[in-house]
Amino acid sequence: MRKLIMWDIITLDGYFEGDQNWDFPFHDAIWGQELETLSIEQLHSADYLVFGRVTYEGMAAHWTKAKGEIADLMNKIPKVVISKTLESATWNNTTLIKENVSAEIQKLKEQDGKDMYVFGSANLSETFINDDLFDEYLIVIAPVISGSGRPLFRKGASYKNLSLASADQLSTSGVVLKYIK
């Protein structure tokens, strides 16, 4: 059975992006060899990448033009985009799901295979939190207080009692936290 894993980078005060879509200045504060190595390891352990529409469109625009091992993996790995408004998904190896989102993801989880990662996609993640689909939460905390932006966990999310599986400090002063159900 596959695991569904949330993977996000947030500021110390809980924001996963700034006030605008794709506003991530704090990513530069933690990016380095350790996080690059972790990203590559995760991509090698993934069967699927799962995105909401906004994240999918931004990721596709970036990774289809990028070079390097991460770009190669991002473009190769099968992807799922969740959207009621997209008519088609053109990024290589992408399946579009328009309805019964949680049930379709649960079907993928029940199959044998590697992990599935949700990058960003706060609205979609909120659905998966409320439907109790995440098996792990990988949160990287950047040593930045931004003061504003879009919080990863909004008010009204379902209560979840999690266990800390690991906490690893990065040389950039960021911390990688892994929580499990």
N, C-alpha and C. Protein backbone atom coordinates (compact mmCIF):
# COMPACT_ATOMS: atom_id res chain seq x y z
N MET A 1 0.84 -1.19 0.00
CA MET A 1 0.00 0.00 0.00
C MET A 1 0.88 1.25 0.00
N ARG A 2 0.54 2.19 -0.84
CA ARG A 2 1.28 3.46 -0.92
C ARG A 2 0.95 4.37 0.26
N LYS A 3 1.90 5.25 0.58
CA LYS A 3 1.67 6.30 1.55
C LYS A 3 1.43 7.61 0.79
N LEU A 4 0.55 8.43 1.33
CA LEU A 4 0.35 9.78 0.82
C LEU A 4 1.06 10.72 1.79
N ILE A 5 1.99 11.51 1.26
CA ILE A 5 2.86 12.33 2.09
C ILE A 5 2.72 13.80 1.69
N MET A 6 2.45 14.63 2.69
CA MET A 6 2.45 16.08 2.48
C MET A 6 3.91 16.55 2.58
N TRP A 7 4.35 17.36 1.62
CA TRP A 7 5.70 17.93 1.64
C TRP A 7 5.57 19.43 1.42
N ASP A 8 5.93 20.20 2.45
CA ASP A 8 5.82 21.65 2.34
C ASP A 8 6.95 22.34 3.08
N ILE A 9 7.26 23.51 2.61
CA ILE A 9 8.21 24.40 3.27
C ILE A 9 7.40 25.59 3.78
N ILE A 10 7.59 25.90 5.08
CA ILE A 10 6.85 27.02 5.65
C ILE A 10 7.81 27.92 6.43
N THR A 11 7.35 29.14 6.67
CA THR A 11 8.09 30.06 7.52
C THR A 11 7.84 29.68 8.98
N LEU A 12 8.63 30.23 9.86
CA LEU A 12 8.48 29.96 11.28
C LEU A 12 7.08 30.36 11.77
N ASP A 13 6.49 31.37 11.15
CA ASP A 13 5.15 31.78 11.55
C ASP A 13 4.05 31.10 10.73
N GLY A 14 4.40 30.04 10.00
CA GLY A 14 3.38 29.15 9.43
C GLY A 14 2.90 29.41 8.02
N TYR A 15 3.57 30.29 7.27
CA TYR A 15 3.12 30.60 5.91
C TYR A 15 3.86 29.74 4.88
N PHE A 16 3.11 29.19 3.91
CA PHE A 16 3.74 28.37 2.88
C PHE A 16 4.02 29.17 1.61
N GLU A 17 3.43 30.36 1.50
CA GLU A 17 3.76 31.27 0.41
C GLU A 17 3.41 32.67 0.88
N GLY A 18 3.92 33.65 0.14
CA GLY A 18 3.65 35.04 0.49
C GLY A 18 2.22 35.43 0.18
N ASP A 19 2.00 36.71 0.03
CA ASP A 19 0.65 37.21 -0.23
C ASP A 19 0.17 36.93 -1.64
N GLN A 20 1.07 36.58 -2.55
CA GLN A 20 0.74 36.26 -3.94
C GLN A 20 1.10 34.80 -4.23
N ASN A 21 0.42 34.20 -5.20
CA ASN A 21 0.80 32.86 -5.64
C ASN A 21 2.26 32.87 -6.07
N TRP A 22 2.98 31.83 -5.73
CA TRP A 22 4.37 31.62 -6.13
C TRP A 22 5.33 32.66 -5.54
N ASP A 23 4.98 33.18 -4.38
CA ASP A 23 5.84 34.13 -3.66
C ASP A 23 6.54 33.34 -2.55
N PHE A 24 7.79 32.87 -2.83
CA PHE A 24 8.54 31.99 -1.93
C PHE A 24 9.93 32.51 -1.60
N PRO A 25 10.11 33.75 -1.19
CA PRO A 25 11.48 34.23 -0.94
C PRO A 25 12.18 33.45 0.17
N PHE A 26 11.43 32.86 1.08
CA PHE A 26 12.03 32.14 2.20
C PHE A 26 12.64 30.80 1.78
N HIS A 27 12.29 30.29 0.60
CA HIS A 27 12.91 29.05 0.13
C HIS A 27 14.42 29.21 -0.02
N ASP A 28 14.84 30.39 -0.45
CA ASP A 28 16.27 30.65 -0.61
C ASP A 28 17.01 30.56 0.73
N ALA A 29 16.31 30.84 1.82
CA ALA A 29 16.95 30.82 3.14
C ALA A 29 17.32 29.41 3.60
N ILE A 30 16.68 28.39 3.05
CA ILE A 30 16.94 27.02 3.52
C ILE A 30 17.49 26.10 2.45
N TRP A 31 17.43 26.52 1.19
CA TRP A 31 17.89 25.63 0.13
C TRP A 31 19.39 25.45 0.20
N GLY A 32 19.82 24.22 0.03
CA GLY A 32 21.23 23.89 0.03
C GLY A 32 21.39 22.43 -0.35
N GLN A 33 22.59 21.92 -0.23
CA GLN A 33 22.89 20.55 -0.62
C GLN A 33 22.04 19.53 0.13
N GLU A 34 21.82 19.74 1.43
CA GLU A 34 21.04 18.78 2.22
C GLU A 34 19.61 18.67 1.71
N LEU A 35 18.97 19.81 1.46
CA LEU A 35 17.58 19.79 1.00
C LEU A 35 17.50 19.29 -0.44
N GLU A 36 18.51 19.58 -1.24
CA GLU A 36 18.54 19.05 -2.60
C GLU A 36 18.65 17.52 -2.56
N THR A 37 19.53 17.00 -1.72
CA THR A 37 19.69 15.55 -1.59
C THR A 37 18.39 14.91 -1.10
N LEU A 38 17.75 15.52 -0.10
CA LEU A 38 16.47 15.01 0.41
C LEU A 38 15.42 15.01 -0.70
N SER A 39 15.37 16.07 -1.47
CA SER A 39 14.39 16.17 -2.56
C SER A 39 14.60 15.06 -3.59
N ILE A 40 15.83 14.81 -3.94
CA ILE A 40 16.14 13.76 -4.92
C ILE A 40 15.76 12.38 -4.35
N GLU A 41 16.09 12.14 -3.08
CA GLU A 41 15.71 10.87 -2.44
C GLU A 41 14.19 10.68 -2.46
N GLN A 42 13.46 11.73 -2.14
CA GLN A 42 12.00 11.64 -2.13
C GLN A 42 11.46 11.36 -3.52
N LEU A 43 12.00 12.03 -4.51
CA LEU A 43 11.52 11.81 -5.87
C LEU A 43 11.81 10.38 -6.33
N HIS A 44 12.92 9.82 -5.91
CA HIS A 44 13.22 8.42 -6.25
C HIS A 44 12.27 7.46 -5.53
N SER A 45 11.69 7.89 -4.42
CA SER A 45 10.78 7.03 -3.66
C SER A 45 9.32 7.25 -4.04
N ALA A 46 9.07 8.02 -5.09
CA ALA A 46 7.70 8.40 -5.45
C ALA A 46 7.22 7.69 -6.71
N ASP A 47 5.98 7.26 -6.64
CA ASP A 47 5.26 6.76 -7.80
C ASP A 47 4.41 7.85 -8.45
N TYR A 48 3.95 8.78 -7.62
CA TYR A 48 3.07 9.85 -8.09
C TYR A 48 3.39 11.14 -7.36
N LEU A 49 3.20 12.24 -8.06
CA LEU A 49 3.16 13.57 -7.48
C LEU A 49 1.74 14.07 -7.66
N VAL A 50 1.17 14.62 -6.62
CA VAL A 50 -0.24 15.04 -6.63
C VAL A 50 -0.29 16.55 -6.40
N PHE A 51 -1.03 17.24 -7.27
CA PHE A 51 -1.10 18.70 -7.21
C PHE A 51 -2.53 19.18 -7.35
N GLY A 52 -2.81 20.33 -6.74
CA GLY A 52 -3.98 21.11 -7.09
C GLY A 52 -3.66 21.87 -8.36
N ARG A 53 -4.66 22.49 -8.95
CA ARG A 53 -4.48 23.16 -10.24
C ARG A 53 -3.43 24.25 -10.22
N VAL A 54 -3.49 25.15 -9.24
CA VAL A 54 -2.57 26.29 -9.21
C VAL A 54 -1.12 25.80 -9.08
N THR A 55 -0.89 24.87 -8.18
CA THR A 55 0.47 24.35 -8.01
C THR A 55 0.91 23.60 -9.25
N TYR A 56 0.01 22.81 -9.82
CA TYR A 56 0.33 22.07 -11.04
C TYR A 56 0.79 23.01 -12.15
N GLU A 57 0.02 24.06 -12.37
CA GLU A 57 0.37 24.99 -13.46
C GLU A 57 1.72 25.66 -13.21
N GLY A 58 1.99 26.05 -11.97
CA GLY A 58 3.27 26.66 -11.65
C GLY A 58 4.43 25.69 -11.76
N MET A 59 4.22 24.47 -11.26
CA MET A 59 5.27 23.45 -11.33
C MET A 59 5.55 23.08 -12.79
N ALA A 60 4.52 22.90 -13.57
CA ALA A 60 4.70 22.54 -14.98
C ALA A 60 5.46 23.64 -15.71
N ALA A 61 5.10 24.88 -15.47
CA ALA A 61 5.79 26.00 -16.14
C ALA A 61 7.27 26.03 -15.77
N HIS A 62 7.58 25.73 -14.52
CA HIS A 62 8.97 25.76 -14.08
C HIS A 62 9.76 24.54 -14.54
N TRP A 63 9.26 23.34 -14.19
CA TRP A 63 10.07 22.12 -14.37
C TRP A 63 10.21 21.68 -15.82
N THR A 64 9.30 22.05 -16.68
CA THR A 64 9.45 21.67 -18.09
C THR A 64 10.58 22.45 -18.76
N LYS A 65 11.01 23.55 -18.14
CA LYS A 65 12.12 24.36 -18.68
C LYS A 65 13.42 24.17 -17.91
N ALA A 66 13.33 23.58 -16.71
CA ALA A 66 14.50 23.45 -15.84
C ALA A 66 15.39 22.29 -16.29
N LYS A 67 16.62 22.33 -15.82
CA LYS A 67 17.61 21.29 -16.12
C LYS A 67 18.12 20.69 -14.82
N GLY A 68 18.64 19.47 -14.91
CA GLY A 68 19.24 18.83 -13.76
C GLY A 68 18.45 17.60 -13.31
N GLU A 69 18.99 16.94 -12.29
CA GLU A 69 18.39 15.68 -11.83
C GLU A 69 16.98 15.87 -11.28
N ILE A 70 16.77 16.92 -10.50
CA ILE A 70 15.43 17.14 -9.95
C ILE A 70 14.45 17.40 -11.08
N ALA A 71 14.82 18.21 -12.04
CA ALA A 71 13.94 18.49 -13.18
C ALA A 71 13.64 17.21 -13.96
N ASP A 72 14.66 16.40 -14.19
CA ASP A 72 14.45 15.14 -14.91
C ASP A 72 13.44 14.26 -14.18
N LEU A 73 13.58 14.16 -12.86
CA LEU A 73 12.66 13.33 -12.08
C LEU A 73 11.25 13.93 -12.06
N MET A 74 11.16 15.23 -11.86
CA MET A 74 9.84 15.89 -11.83
C MET A 74 9.10 15.67 -13.14
N ASN A 75 9.81 15.71 -14.24
CA ASN A 75 9.17 15.54 -15.54
C ASN A 75 8.86 14.09 -15.86
N LYS A 76 9.58 13.16 -15.27
CA LYS A 76 9.41 11.74 -15.55
C LYS A 76 8.31 11.07 -14.71
N ILE A 77 8.26 11.42 -13.43
CA ILE A 77 7.34 10.76 -12.50
C ILE A 77 5.89 11.03 -12.90
N PRO A 78 5.02 10.01 -12.82
CA PRO A 78 3.59 10.24 -13.07
C PRO A 78 3.03 11.27 -12.09
N LYS A 79 2.15 12.10 -12.60
CA LYS A 79 1.55 13.16 -11.82
C LYS A 79 0.03 13.05 -11.89
N VAL A 80 -0.60 13.54 -10.83
CA VAL A 80 -2.06 13.65 -10.78
C VAL A 80 -2.36 15.11 -10.49
N VAL A 81 -3.24 15.71 -11.27
CA VAL A 81 -3.69 17.06 -10.99
C VAL A 81 -5.18 16.99 -10.68
N ILE A 82 -5.56 17.68 -9.63
CA ILE A 82 -6.95 17.73 -9.19
C ILE A 82 -7.51 19.08 -9.61
N SER A 83 -8.51 19.08 -10.46
CA SER A 83 -9.07 20.34 -10.91
C SER A 83 -10.45 20.12 -11.52
N LYS A 84 -11.37 20.99 -11.16
CA LYS A 84 -12.69 20.99 -11.79
C LYS A 84 -12.70 21.89 -13.02
N THR A 85 -11.67 22.75 -13.16
CA THR A 85 -11.69 23.74 -14.23
C THR A 85 -10.77 23.42 -15.40
N LEU A 86 -9.72 22.64 -15.18
CA LEU A 86 -8.83 22.28 -16.29
C LEU A 86 -9.56 21.37 -17.27
N GLU A 87 -9.33 21.59 -18.54
CA GLU A 87 -9.91 20.72 -19.57
C GLU A 87 -8.95 19.60 -19.94
N SER A 88 -7.65 19.87 -19.80
CA SER A 88 -6.65 18.85 -20.10
C SER A 88 -5.40 19.11 -19.27
N ALA A 89 -4.59 18.08 -19.14
CA ALA A 89 -3.33 18.18 -18.40
C ALA A 89 -2.21 17.81 -19.37
N THR A 90 -1.39 18.79 -19.72
CA THR A 90 -0.42 18.58 -20.79
C THR A 90 0.99 18.25 -20.31
N TRP A 91 1.28 18.41 -19.03
CA TRP A 91 2.61 18.09 -18.52
C TRP A 91 2.79 16.59 -18.60
N ASN A 92 3.93 16.15 -19.08
CA ASN A 92 4.25 14.75 -19.29
C ASN A 92 3.77 13.86 -18.14
N ASN A 93 3.12 12.74 -18.48
CA ASN A 93 2.69 11.72 -17.51
C ASN A 93 1.70 12.25 -16.48
N THR A 94 0.75 13.08 -16.88
CA THR A 94 -0.21 13.64 -15.93
C THR A 94 -1.60 13.09 -16.19
N THR A 95 -2.26 12.72 -15.09
CA THR A 95 -3.66 12.30 -15.11
C THR A 95 -4.48 13.40 -14.44
N LEU A 96 -5.60 13.75 -15.04
CA LEU A 96 -6.49 14.77 -14.52
C LEU A 96 -7.64 14.09 -13.78
N ILE A 97 -7.87 14.50 -12.54
CA ILE A 97 -9.03 14.02 -11.77
C ILE A 97 -9.91 15.22 -11.48
N LYS A 98 -11.18 15.11 -11.89
CA LYS A 98 -12.11 16.23 -11.74
C LYS A 98 -13.12 16.01 -10.62
N GLU A 99 -13.43 14.77 -10.28
CA GLU A 99 -14.48 14.47 -9.30
C GLU A 99 -14.05 13.35 -8.38
N ASN A 100 -14.74 13.23 -7.26
CA ASN A 100 -14.48 12.15 -6.30
C ASN A 100 -13.01 12.07 -5.94
N VAL A 101 -12.43 13.21 -5.66
CA VAL A 101 -10.99 13.36 -5.48
C VAL A 101 -10.44 12.42 -4.41
N SER A 102 -10.99 12.49 -3.22
CA SER A 102 -10.46 11.68 -2.12
C SER A 102 -10.63 10.19 -2.38
N ALA A 103 -11.75 9.81 -2.97
CA ALA A 103 -11.97 8.40 -3.30
C ALA A 103 -10.96 7.92 -4.34
N GLU A 104 -10.66 8.75 -5.33
CA GLU A 104 -9.69 8.37 -6.36
C GLU A 104 -8.27 8.26 -5.78
N ILE A 105 -7.92 9.18 -4.90
CA ILE A 105 -6.61 9.11 -4.26
C ILE A 105 -6.54 7.90 -3.34
N GLN A 106 -7.61 7.60 -2.64
CA GLN A 106 -7.64 6.41 -1.79
C GLN A 106 -7.42 5.14 -2.62
N LYS A 107 -8.00 5.09 -3.80
CA LYS A 107 -7.79 3.92 -4.69
C LYS A 107 -6.31 3.78 -5.05
N LEU A 108 -5.66 4.90 -5.35
CA LEU A 108 -4.22 4.86 -5.66
C LEU A 108 -3.42 4.43 -4.44
N LYS A 109 -3.82 4.90 -3.26
CA LYS A 109 -3.11 4.51 -2.04
C LYS A 109 -3.21 3.01 -1.79
N GLU A 110 -4.31 2.42 -2.13
CA GLU A 110 -4.53 0.99 -1.85
C GLU A 110 -3.74 0.07 -2.78
N GLN A 111 -3.18 0.62 -3.83
CA GLN A 111 -2.37 -0.17 -4.74
C GLN A 111 -0.96 -0.34 -4.19
N ASP A 112 -0.30 -1.39 -4.64
CA ASP A 112 1.11 -1.55 -4.31
C ASP A 112 1.91 -0.51 -5.06
N GLY A 113 2.98 -0.07 -4.47
CA GLY A 113 3.84 0.88 -5.16
C GLY A 113 4.57 1.77 -4.19
N LYS A 114 5.23 2.75 -4.76
CA LYS A 114 6.00 3.72 -3.99
C LYS A 114 5.07 4.80 -3.45
N ASP A 115 5.66 5.76 -2.75
CA ASP A 115 4.90 6.83 -2.12
C ASP A 115 4.31 7.81 -3.13
N MET A 116 3.32 8.58 -2.65
CA MET A 116 2.74 9.69 -3.40
C MET A 116 2.97 10.95 -2.57
N TYR A 117 3.43 12.00 -3.23
CA TYR A 117 3.72 13.26 -2.54
C TYR A 117 2.79 14.36 -3.03
N VAL A 118 2.33 15.16 -2.09
CA VAL A 118 1.60 16.39 -2.39
C VAL A 118 2.54 17.53 -2.05
N PHE A 119 2.93 18.30 -3.06
CA PHE A 119 3.79 19.47 -2.87
C PHE A 119 2.90 20.71 -2.88
N GLY A 120 3.06 21.57 -1.86
CA GLY A 120 2.26 22.79 -1.84
C GLY A 120 0.79 22.45 -1.82
N SER A 121 0.04 23.03 -2.73
CA SER A 121 -1.37 22.67 -2.91
C SER A 121 -2.15 22.74 -1.60
N ALA A 122 -2.13 23.90 -0.94
CA ALA A 122 -2.74 24.04 0.39
C ALA A 122 -4.23 23.72 0.40
N ASN A 123 -4.98 24.15 -0.61
CA ASN A 123 -6.41 23.85 -0.63
C ASN A 123 -6.65 22.35 -0.76
N LEU A 124 -5.92 21.71 -1.64
CA LEU A 124 -6.04 20.26 -1.81
C LEU A 124 -5.59 19.55 -0.54
N SER A 125 -4.50 20.01 0.06
CA SER A 125 -4.02 19.40 1.29
C SER A 125 -5.06 19.49 2.39
N GLU A 126 -5.76 20.62 2.45
CA GLU A 126 -6.82 20.76 3.46
C GLU A 126 -7.90 19.69 3.26
N THR A 127 -8.26 19.42 2.02
CA THR A 127 -9.23 18.36 1.74
C THR A 127 -8.70 17.02 2.22
N PHE A 128 -7.44 16.73 1.92
CA PHE A 128 -6.85 15.45 2.31
C PHE A 128 -6.68 15.33 3.82
N ILE A 129 -6.40 16.45 4.50
CA ILE A 129 -6.34 16.44 5.97
C ILE A 129 -7.71 16.10 6.53
N ASN A 130 -8.72 16.81 6.05
CA ASN A 130 -10.08 16.60 6.56
C ASN A 130 -10.59 15.20 6.24
N ASP A 131 -10.15 14.60 5.15
CA ASP A 131 -10.58 13.24 4.78
C ASP A 131 -9.63 12.17 5.29
N ASP A 132 -8.66 12.59 6.12
CA ASP A 132 -7.72 11.70 6.79
C ASP A 132 -6.94 10.81 5.81
N LEU A 133 -6.44 11.40 4.74
CA LEU A 133 -5.71 10.64 3.73
C LEU A 133 -4.20 10.67 3.89
N PHE A 134 -3.67 11.70 4.56
CA PHE A 134 -2.21 11.79 4.69
C PHE A 134 -1.72 10.76 5.71
N ASP A 135 -0.64 10.08 5.33
CA ASP A 135 0.03 9.15 6.22
C ASP A 135 1.21 9.81 6.93
N GLU A 136 1.82 10.77 6.25
CA GLU A 136 2.97 11.50 6.80
C GLU A 136 2.85 12.97 6.42
N TYR A 137 3.43 13.79 7.30
CA TYR A 137 3.54 15.22 7.05
C TYR A 137 5.02 15.56 7.15
N LEU A 138 5.62 15.95 6.03
CA LEU A 138 7.01 16.41 6.01
C LEU A 138 6.97 17.92 5.87
N ILE A 139 7.38 18.59 6.92
CA ILE A 139 7.32 20.05 6.95
C ILE A 139 8.73 20.56 7.18
N VAL A 140 9.19 21.41 6.29
CA VAL A 140 10.48 22.06 6.46
C VAL A 140 10.20 23.47 6.95
N ILE A 141 10.79 23.82 8.09
CA ILE A 141 10.59 25.15 8.66
C ILE A 141 11.80 26.01 8.29
N ALA A 142 11.52 27.09 7.58
CA ALA A 142 12.57 28.05 7.22
C ALA A 142 12.75 29.02 8.39
N PRO A 143 13.97 29.41 8.70
CA PRO A 143 14.22 30.32 9.81
C PRO A 143 13.89 31.77 9.43
N VAL A 144 12.63 31.98 9.08
CA VAL A 144 12.17 33.29 8.59
C VAL A 144 10.81 33.57 9.23
N ILE A 145 10.62 34.79 9.67
CA ILE A 145 9.30 35.26 10.08
C ILE A 145 8.85 36.23 8.99
N SER A 146 7.79 35.85 8.28
CA SER A 146 7.39 36.68 7.14
C SER A 146 6.34 37.72 7.51
N GLY A 147 5.54 37.46 8.53
CA GLY A 147 4.56 38.44 8.96
C GLY A 147 3.25 38.41 8.21
N SER A 148 3.26 37.83 7.01
CA SER A 148 2.01 37.71 6.25
C SER A 148 2.19 36.66 5.16
N GLY A 149 1.09 36.28 4.57
CA GLY A 149 1.10 35.29 3.51
C GLY A 149 -0.06 34.32 3.67
N ARG A 150 0.04 33.20 2.99
CA ARG A 150 -1.00 32.17 3.06
C ARG A 150 -0.55 31.08 4.02
N PRO A 151 -1.31 30.86 5.09
CA PRO A 151 -0.93 29.81 6.03
C PRO A 151 -1.15 28.43 5.42
N LEU A 152 -0.29 27.50 5.80
CA LEU A 152 -0.46 26.13 5.33
C LEU A 152 -1.68 25.49 5.98
N PHE A 153 -1.83 25.70 7.28
CA PHE A 153 -2.95 25.11 8.00
C PHE A 153 -3.90 26.24 8.39
N ARG A 154 -5.04 26.26 7.72
CA ARG A 154 -6.01 27.32 7.97
C ARG A 154 -6.94 26.92 9.11
N LYS A 155 -7.59 27.93 9.68
CA LYS A 155 -8.59 27.66 10.72
C LYS A 155 -9.68 26.77 10.14
N GLY A 156 -10.12 25.81 10.95
CA GLY A 156 -11.19 24.92 10.51
C GLY A 156 -10.73 23.56 10.04
N ALA A 157 -9.40 23.35 9.97
CA ALA A 157 -8.91 22.02 9.58
C ALA A 157 -9.28 21.02 10.67
N SER A 158 -9.48 19.78 10.27
CA SER A 158 -9.82 18.73 11.22
C SER A 158 -8.67 18.51 12.21
N TYR A 159 -9.05 18.25 13.45
CA TYR A 159 -8.07 17.95 14.50
C TYR A 159 -7.38 16.64 14.18
N LYS A 160 -6.05 16.64 14.28
CA LYS A 160 -5.25 15.43 14.04
C LYS A 160 -4.21 15.33 15.14
N ASN A 161 -4.10 14.18 15.75
CA ASN A 161 -3.06 13.92 16.74
C ASN A 161 -1.96 13.14 16.03
N LEU A 162 -0.79 13.74 15.89
CA LEU A 162 0.31 13.14 15.14
C LEU A 162 1.48 12.84 16.08
N SER A 163 2.38 12.00 15.61
CA SER A 163 3.60 11.67 16.36
C SER A 163 4.81 12.14 15.57
N LEU A 164 5.75 12.74 16.27
CA LEU A 164 6.99 13.18 15.63
C LEU A 164 7.86 11.96 15.37
N ALA A 165 8.17 11.70 14.11
CA ALA A 165 9.01 10.56 13.73
C ALA A 165 10.47 10.96 13.63
N SER A 166 10.72 12.22 13.21
CA SER A 166 12.10 12.70 13.14
C SER A 166 12.12 14.22 13.05
N ALA A 167 13.25 14.77 13.46
CA ALA A 167 13.50 16.20 13.35
C ALA A 167 14.97 16.36 13.01
N ASP A 168 15.24 16.94 11.85
CA ASP A 168 16.62 17.07 11.39
C ASP A 168 16.92 18.53 11.08
N GLN A 169 17.97 19.04 11.72
CA GLN A 169 18.39 20.40 11.47
C GLN A 169 19.26 20.46 10.22
N LEU A 170 19.00 21.44 9.39
CA LEU A 170 19.80 21.68 8.20
C LEU A 170 20.91 22.68 8.52
N SER A 171 21.98 22.64 7.77
CA SER A 171 23.08 23.60 7.97
C SER A 171 22.63 25.03 7.68
N THR A 172 21.52 25.20 6.98
CA THR A 172 20.97 26.52 6.67
C THR A 172 20.08 27.03 7.80
N SER A 173 20.02 26.31 8.92
CA SER A 173 19.21 26.64 10.10
C SER A 173 17.74 26.27 9.94
N GLY A 174 17.38 25.67 8.84
CA GLY A 174 16.03 25.13 8.70
C GLY A 174 15.92 23.80 9.45
N VAL A 175 14.70 23.35 9.65
CA VAL A 175 14.45 22.08 10.32
C VAL A 175 13.46 21.27 9.50
N VAL A 176 13.77 20.00 9.29
CA VAL A 176 12.87 19.09 8.58
C VAL A 176 12.16 18.25 9.64
N LEU A 177 10.85 18.40 9.73
CA LEU A 177 10.03 17.68 10.69
C LEU A 177 9.20 16.63 9.96
N LYS A 178 9.21 15.43 10.48
CA LYS A 178 8.40 14.35 9.91
C LYS A 178 7.44 13.87 10.97
N TYR A 179 6.14 14.03 10.67
CA TYR A 179 5.09 13.57 11.56
C TYR A 179 4.33 12.43 10.89
N ILE A 180 3.89 11.47 11.70
CA ILE A 180 3.10 10.35 11.19
C ILE A 180 1.82 10.25 11.99
N LYS A 181 0.84 9.55 11.39
CA LYS A 181 -0.44 9.34 12.08
C LYS A 181 -0.26 8.34 13.20
